[in-house]
């Protein structure tokens, strides 16, 4: 399963990002089949990202392995790109920051089995395109957030509004 996002990079390029995720993913990233087991409690999880850049001359998207100094922010509410520069300290270059993008547990309190979800809104973190690794941006063991985190895009034009 995947979700797709269109993002304009800070240099004006059009990027297509595919986010692949699995349902019922165990802690060791093994995707389980829970169709036969109504007590299966393993949540959904993002497994990887692929980033493509639009080649306007060929009108095709081409796979990108390195974003350079860019960082992407993807989520249900908003998706955008920021340069990982001194203007935005702490942002990891060549990375994808992602918020939960599943409405399964957030908007539907009952599962397909008629019981309450014990997870939801939890699938967020940082994905490094350099080594295809995941890291948390918020350390928590909580698997259920009533409302998943959202991104607020900074105004890149405002510099030191108060002197």
Protein backbone atom coordinates (compact mmCIF):
# COMPACT_ATOMS: atom_id res chain seq x y z
CA UNK A 1 0.00 0.00 0.00
CA UNK A 2 1.24 3.52 -0.62
CA UNK A 3 0.32 7.19 -0.45
CA UNK A 4 1.64 9.83 -2.79
CA UNK A 5 2.57 13.47 -2.21
CA UNK A 6 3.45 16.31 -4.58
CA UNK A 7 5.87 18.86 -3.17
CA UNK A 8 7.62 21.87 -4.65
CA UNK A 9 11.26 21.97 -3.57
CA UNK A 10 12.77 25.22 -2.31
CA UNK A 11 14.46 25.55 -5.73
CA UNK A 12 11.10 25.21 -7.55
CA UNK A 13 11.37 21.59 -8.72
CA UNK A 14 8.30 19.35 -8.58
CA UNK A 15 8.81 16.23 -6.45
CA UNK A 16 6.61 13.15 -6.24
CA UNK A 17 7.05 11.15 -3.05
CA UNK A 18 5.67 7.64 -2.60
CA UNK A 19 5.24 6.45 0.97
CA UNK A 20 4.95 2.68 1.36
CA UNK A 21 3.38 1.24 4.47
CA UNK A 22 2.14 -2.07 5.74
CA UNK A 23 -0.75 -3.03 7.96
CA UNK A 24 -0.09 -5.26 10.97
CA UNK A 25 3.68 -4.66 11.11
CA UNK A 26 5.56 -6.30 13.98
CA UNK A 27 8.37 -4.55 15.87
CA UNK A 28 10.95 -6.31 13.66
CA UNK A 29 9.28 -4.80 10.53
CA UNK A 30 7.73 -8.11 9.43
CA UNK A 31 4.32 -7.56 7.83
CA UNK A 32 1.88 -10.06 9.31
CA UNK A 33 -1.36 -11.45 7.96
CA UNK A 34 -3.99 -10.83 10.60
CA UNK A 35 -7.08 -11.69 8.57
CA UNK A 36 -7.56 -14.95 10.45
CA UNK A 37 -6.75 -13.54 13.89
CA UNK A 38 -9.27 -11.02 15.29
CA UNK A 39 -6.95 -10.44 18.27
CA UNK A 40 -4.05 -9.24 16.12
CA UNK A 41 -2.81 -5.98 17.66
CA UNK A 42 0.07 -4.99 15.38
CA UNK A 43 -0.33 -1.47 13.97
CA UNK A 44 0.34 -0.04 10.52
CA UNK A 45 3.82 1.35 9.86
CA UNK A 46 5.71 3.26 7.16
CA UNK A 47 8.25 0.95 5.51
CA UNK A 48 10.06 3.21 3.01
CA UNK A 49 9.90 6.27 0.75
CA UNK A 50 10.77 6.78 -2.91
CA UNK A 51 11.36 10.33 -4.18
CA UNK A 52 11.00 11.31 -7.84
CA UNK A 53 11.80 14.61 -9.57
CA UNK A 54 9.85 15.85 -12.59
CA UNK A 55 11.97 16.16 -15.73
CA UNK A 56 10.00 18.86 -17.59
CA UNK A 57 11.72 18.14 -20.93
CA UNK A 58 10.65 14.50 -20.97
CA UNK A 59 7.50 15.08 -18.90
CA UNK A 60 8.48 12.13 -16.67
CA UNK A 61 9.35 11.62 -13.04
CA UNK A 62 12.84 10.24 -12.36
CA UNK A 63 13.97 8.51 -9.17
CA UNK A 64 16.10 10.71 -6.88
CA UNK A 65 18.51 9.16 -4.36
CA UNK A 66 19.79 12.42 -2.88
CA UNK A 67 17.94 15.64 -2.02
CA UNK A 68 21.14 17.51 -1.23
CA UNK A 69 20.45 20.14 1.43
CA UNK A 70 16.67 19.73 1.17
CA UNK A 71 14.38 18.19 3.77
CA UNK A 72 10.81 17.15 2.98
CA UNK A 73 7.90 17.39 5.41
CA UNK A 74 4.95 15.13 4.62
CA UNK A 75 1.63 14.74 6.35
CA UNK A 76 -2.11 14.55 6.12
CA UNK A 77 -2.57 18.30 6.49
CA UNK A 78 0.38 19.78 4.62
CA UNK A 79 3.51 18.78 2.71
CA UNK A 80 6.43 21.06 1.88
CA UNK A 81 10.20 21.33 1.49
CA UNK A 82 12.74 23.37 3.44
CA UNK A 83 16.46 23.91 2.95
CA UNK A 84 18.55 22.42 5.76
CA UNK A 85 20.52 25.62 6.28
CA UNK A 86 21.32 28.02 9.11
CA UNK A 87 17.90 29.58 8.52
CA UNK A 88 16.34 26.35 9.84
CA UNK A 89 18.88 24.90 12.30
CA UNK A 90 18.46 21.30 13.39
CA UNK A 91 16.83 20.09 10.18
CA UNK A 92 18.54 17.02 8.75
CA UNK A 93 19.40 17.37 5.06
CA UNK A 94 18.45 14.64 2.58
CA UNK A 95 15.65 13.49 4.88
CA UNK A 96 11.90 12.99 4.89
CA UNK A 97 10.06 14.11 8.03
CA UNK A 98 6.69 12.40 8.08
CA UNK A 99 3.55 12.64 10.16
CA UNK A 100 0.90 9.97 10.44
CA UNK A 101 -1.31 9.86 7.36
CA UNK A 102 -3.81 7.19 8.29
CA UNK A 103 -7.40 7.99 9.12
CA UNK A 104 -8.08 4.40 10.18
CA UNK A 105 -7.72 4.76 13.92
CA UNK A 106 -8.07 8.53 14.18
CA UNK A 107 -11.49 8.85 12.56
CA UNK A 108 -12.90 5.34 12.90
CA UNK A 109 -12.99 4.27 16.56
CA UNK A 110 -13.88 0.66 15.77
CA UNK A 111 -11.81 -1.75 13.76
CA UNK A 112 -13.16 -4.05 11.08
CA UNK A 113 -13.48 -6.63 13.84
CA UNK A 114 -15.74 -4.39 15.94
CA UNK A 115 -13.27 -3.69 18.73
CA UNK A 116 -11.43 -0.55 19.77
CA UNK A 117 -8.09 0.22 18.15
CA UNK A 118 -5.14 0.28 20.53
CA UNK A 119 -3.07 2.32 18.07
CA UNK A 120 -3.38 5.26 15.70
CA UNK A 121 -1.76 8.59 14.93
CA UNK A 122 1.57 7.04 15.93
CA UNK A 123 3.35 6.58 12.57
CA UNK A 124 5.76 9.52 12.38
CA UNK A 125 9.51 10.04 12.26
CA UNK A 126 12.47 10.91 10.04
CA UNK A 127 13.57 8.83 7.06
CA UNK A 128 17.13 9.28 5.78
CA UNK A 129 17.49 8.94 2.01
CA UNK A 130 21.23 8.49 2.49
CA UNK A 131 21.02 5.13 4.26
CA UNK A 132 17.27 4.32 4.13
CA UNK A 133 17.03 4.38 7.92
CA UNK A 134 14.30 5.63 10.24
CA UNK A 135 14.77 7.68 13.40
CA UNK A 136 12.24 9.23 15.78
CA UNK A 137 11.74 12.96 16.02
CA UNK A 138 9.72 12.53 19.17
CA UNK A 139 10.68 9.77 21.56
CA UNK A 140 7.57 8.04 22.82
CA UNK A 141 6.29 4.55 23.33
CA UNK A 142 2.69 5.67 22.91
CA UNK A 143 0.90 3.86 20.08
CA UNK A 144 -2.32 5.89 20.17
CA UNK A 145 -2.70 9.60 19.52
CA UNK A 146 -6.25 10.91 19.21
CA UNK A 147 -5.02 13.46 16.71
CA UNK A 148 -1.77 12.78 14.85
CA UNK A 149 0.90 15.50 14.76
CA UNK A 150 0.59 18.06 11.96
CA UNK A 151 3.15 20.32 10.25
CA UNK A 152 3.14 24.08 10.51
CA UNK A 153 5.10 25.63 7.67
CA UNK A 154 7.38 28.50 8.70
CA UNK A 155 7.27 31.72 6.77
CA UNK A 156 10.65 31.69 5.03
CA UNK A 157 10.48 35.42 4.30
CA UNK A 158 10.40 36.58 7.93
CA UNK A 159 13.86 37.10 9.40
CA UNK A 160 14.24 38.52 12.89
CA UNK A 161 10.82 40.22 13.03
CA UNK A 162 11.67 41.62 16.48
CA UNK A 163 14.99 43.42 16.90
